[in-house]
Amino acid sequence: MPPPPLRVFVAPGCPGCARALELAAFVGRRRPAHTVEVVDLTDPGAVVPEAVVGTPAFLAGDRLFALGNPEPERLLAEIDRLTEATE
């Protein structure tokens, strides 16, 4: 069973969202087997969980991991935790 995806919620005009996109790309480079989804809140088809009350927001599976940008090392540690939990 694959680990749950990392979902990164962003919106136009969000001052931290450019960094959030960089972090999503960073995870993609460092953990290429892990699914990373970027969700733009202006997309009419975007499904936004109740936990997402601002941007940027990072969800590990269905759990809010960070509101705002986490440190890269903390983000990788969470990805590794998700992967280990499904092995």
C-alpha atoms as a PDB file:
ATOM      1  CA  MET A   1       0.000   0.000   0.000  1.00  0.00           C
ATOM      2  CA  PRO A   2       1.545   3.338  -1.000  1.00  0.00           C
ATOM      3  CA  PRO A   3       1.915   6.062   1.608  1.00  0.00           C
ATOM      4  CA  PRO A   4      -0.639   8.871   1.559  1.00  0.00           C
ATOM      5  CA  PRO A   5       0.307  11.826  -0.627  1.00  0.00           C
ATOM      6  CA  LEU A   6       1.693  15.107   0.551  1.00  0.00           C
ATOM      7  CA  ARG A   7      -0.803  17.765  -0.504  1.00  0.00           C
ATOM      8  CA  VAL A   8       0.312  21.385  -0.663  1.00  0.00           C
ATOM      9  CA  PHE A   9      -2.469  23.996  -0.783  1.00  0.00           C
ATOM     10  CA  VAL A  10      -1.641  27.346  -2.385  1.00  0.00           C
ATOM     11  CA  ALA A  11      -3.505  30.431  -3.605  1.00  0.00           C
ATOM     12  CA  PRO A  12      -2.675  33.490  -5.728  1.00  0.00           C
ATOM     13  CA  GLY A  13      -1.424  36.446  -3.722  1.00  0.00           C
ATOM     14  CA  CYS A  14      -0.259  34.217  -0.888  1.00  0.00           C
ATOM     15  CA  PRO A  15       3.105  35.580   0.314  1.00  0.00           C
ATOM     16  CA  GLY A  16       4.435  32.161   1.352  1.00  0.00           C
ATOM     17  CA  CYS A  17       3.123  30.129  -1.555  1.00  0.00           C
ATOM     18  CA  ALA A  18       6.140  30.582  -3.836  1.00  0.00           C
ATOM     19  CA  ARG A  19       8.244  28.978  -1.098  1.00  0.00           C
ATOM     20  CA  ALA A  20       5.616  26.243  -0.672  1.00  0.00           C
ATOM     21  CA  LEU A  21       5.951  25.395  -4.364  1.00  0.00           C
ATOM     22  CA  GLU A  22       9.733  25.243  -3.937  1.00  0.00           C
ATOM     23  CA  LEU A  23       9.276  22.862  -0.994  1.00  0.00           C
ATOM     24  CA  ALA A  24       6.918  20.659  -3.032  1.00  0.00           C
ATOM     25  CA  ALA A  25       9.537  20.457  -5.796  1.00  0.00           C
ATOM     26  CA  PHE A  26      12.237  19.772  -3.172  1.00  0.00           C
ATOM     27  CA  VAL A  27      10.283  16.797  -1.825  1.00  0.00           C
ATOM     28  CA  GLY A  28       9.763  15.576  -5.394  1.00  0.00           C
ATOM     29  CA  ARG A  29      13.519  15.630  -5.970  1.00  0.00           C
ATOM     30  CA  ARG A  30      14.512  14.143  -2.598  1.00  0.00           C
ATOM     31  CA  ARG A  31      11.703  11.552  -2.337  1.00  0.00           C
ATOM     32  CA  PRO A  32      10.748  10.879  -5.980  1.00  0.00           C
ATOM     33  CA  ALA A  33       8.695   7.786  -5.107  1.00  0.00           C
ATOM     34  CA  HIS A  34       6.383   9.822  -2.871  1.00  0.00           C
ATOM     35  CA  THR A  35       3.328  11.466  -4.429  1.00  0.00           C
ATOM     36  CA  VAL A  36       3.208  15.245  -4.025  1.00  0.00           C
ATOM     37  CA  GLU A  37       0.047  17.076  -5.068  1.00  0.00           C
ATOM     38  CA  VAL A  38      -0.185  20.854  -5.366  1.00  0.00           C
ATOM     39  CA  VAL A  39      -3.742  22.135  -4.956  1.00  0.00           C
ATOM     40  CA  ASP A  40      -4.537  25.673  -6.119  1.00  0.00           C
ATOM     41  CA  LEU A  41      -7.518  26.911  -4.123  1.00  0.00           C
ATOM     42  CA  THR A  42      -8.770  28.870  -7.144  1.00  0.00           C
ATOM     43  CA  ASP A  43      -9.185  25.671  -9.155  1.00  0.00           C
ATOM     44  CA  PRO A  44     -12.960  25.105  -9.383  1.00  0.00           C
ATOM     45  CA  GLY A  45     -12.447  21.367  -8.866  1.00  0.00           C
ATOM     46  CA  ALA A  46     -10.251  21.756  -5.779  1.00  0.00           C
ATOM     47  CA  VAL A  47     -11.355  19.703  -2.796  1.00  0.00           C
ATOM     48  CA  VAL A  48     -10.397  21.624   0.328  1.00  0.00           C
ATOM     49  CA  PRO A  49     -10.515  19.851   3.701  1.00  0.00           C
ATOM     50  CA  GLU A  50     -11.860  21.792   6.695  1.00  0.00           C
ATOM     51  CA  ALA A  51      -8.380  21.770   8.241  1.00  0.00           C
ATOM     52  CA  VAL A  52      -7.109  24.084   5.491  1.00  0.00           C
ATOM     53  CA  VAL A  53      -7.885  27.528   6.883  1.00  0.00           C
ATOM     54  CA  GLY A  54      -5.124  29.436   5.094  1.00  0.00           C
ATOM     55  CA  THR A  55      -2.244  29.060   2.697  1.00  0.00           C
ATOM     56  CA  PRO A  56       0.212  27.621   2.351  1.00  0.00           C
ATOM     57  CA  ALA A  57      -0.977  24.452   4.050  1.00  0.00           C
ATOM     58  CA  PHE A  58       0.643  21.024   3.977  1.00  0.00           C
ATOM     59  CA  LEU A  59      -1.403  17.886   4.527  1.00  0.00           C
ATOM     60  CA  ALA A  60       0.193  14.517   5.100  1.00  0.00           C
ATOM     61  CA  GLY A  61      -2.611  12.256   4.003  1.00  0.00           C
ATOM     62  CA  ASP A  62      -5.674  13.769   5.696  1.00  0.00           C
ATOM     63  CA  ARG A  63      -3.741  15.287   8.602  1.00  0.00           C
ATOM     64  CA  LEU A  64      -2.742  18.947   8.645  1.00  0.00           C
ATOM     65  CA  PHE A  65       1.021  18.797   8.949  1.00  0.00           C
ATOM     66  CA  ALA A  66       1.861  22.483   8.664  1.00  0.00           C
ATOM     67  CA  LEU A  67       0.032  25.752   8.213  1.00  0.00           C
ATOM     68  CA  GLY A  68       2.786  27.864   6.752  1.00  0.00           C
ATOM     69  CA  ASN A  69       6.062  26.565   5.391  1.00  0.00           C
ATOM     70  CA  PRO A  70       7.855  23.911   7.448  1.00  0.00           C
ATOM     71  CA  GLU A  71      11.604  23.513   7.520  1.00  0.00           C
ATOM     72  CA  PRO A  72      12.757  21.214   4.687  1.00  0.00           C
ATOM     73  CA  GLU A  73      14.261  18.666   7.109  1.00  0.00           C
ATOM     74  CA  ARG A  74      11.005  18.474   9.086  1.00  0.00           C
ATOM     75  CA  LEU A  75       9.076  17.960   5.864  1.00  0.00           C
ATOM     76  CA  LEU A  76      11.357  15.120   4.745  1.00  0.00           C
ATOM     77  CA  ALA A  77      11.102  13.517   8.200  1.00  0.00           C
ATOM     78  CA  GLU A  78       7.299  13.544   7.893  1.00  0.00           C
ATOM     79  CA  ILE A  79       7.488  11.971   4.421  1.00  0.00           C
ATOM     80  CA  ASP A  80       9.777   9.273   5.788  1.00  0.00           C
ATOM     81  CA  ARG A  81       7.388   8.667   8.714  1.00  0.00           C
ATOM     82  CA  LEU A  82       4.472   8.238   6.289  1.00  0.00           C
ATOM     83  CA  THR A  83       6.474   5.819   4.170  1.00  0.00           C
ATOM     84  CA  GLU A  84       7.595   3.737   7.153  1.00  0.00           C
ATOM     85  CA  ALA A  85       4.037   3.555   8.489  1.00  0.00           C
ATOM     86  CA  THR A  86       2.865   1.857   5.284  1.00  0.00           C
ATOM     87  CA  GLU A  87       5.721  -0.631   4.921  1.00  0.00           C
END
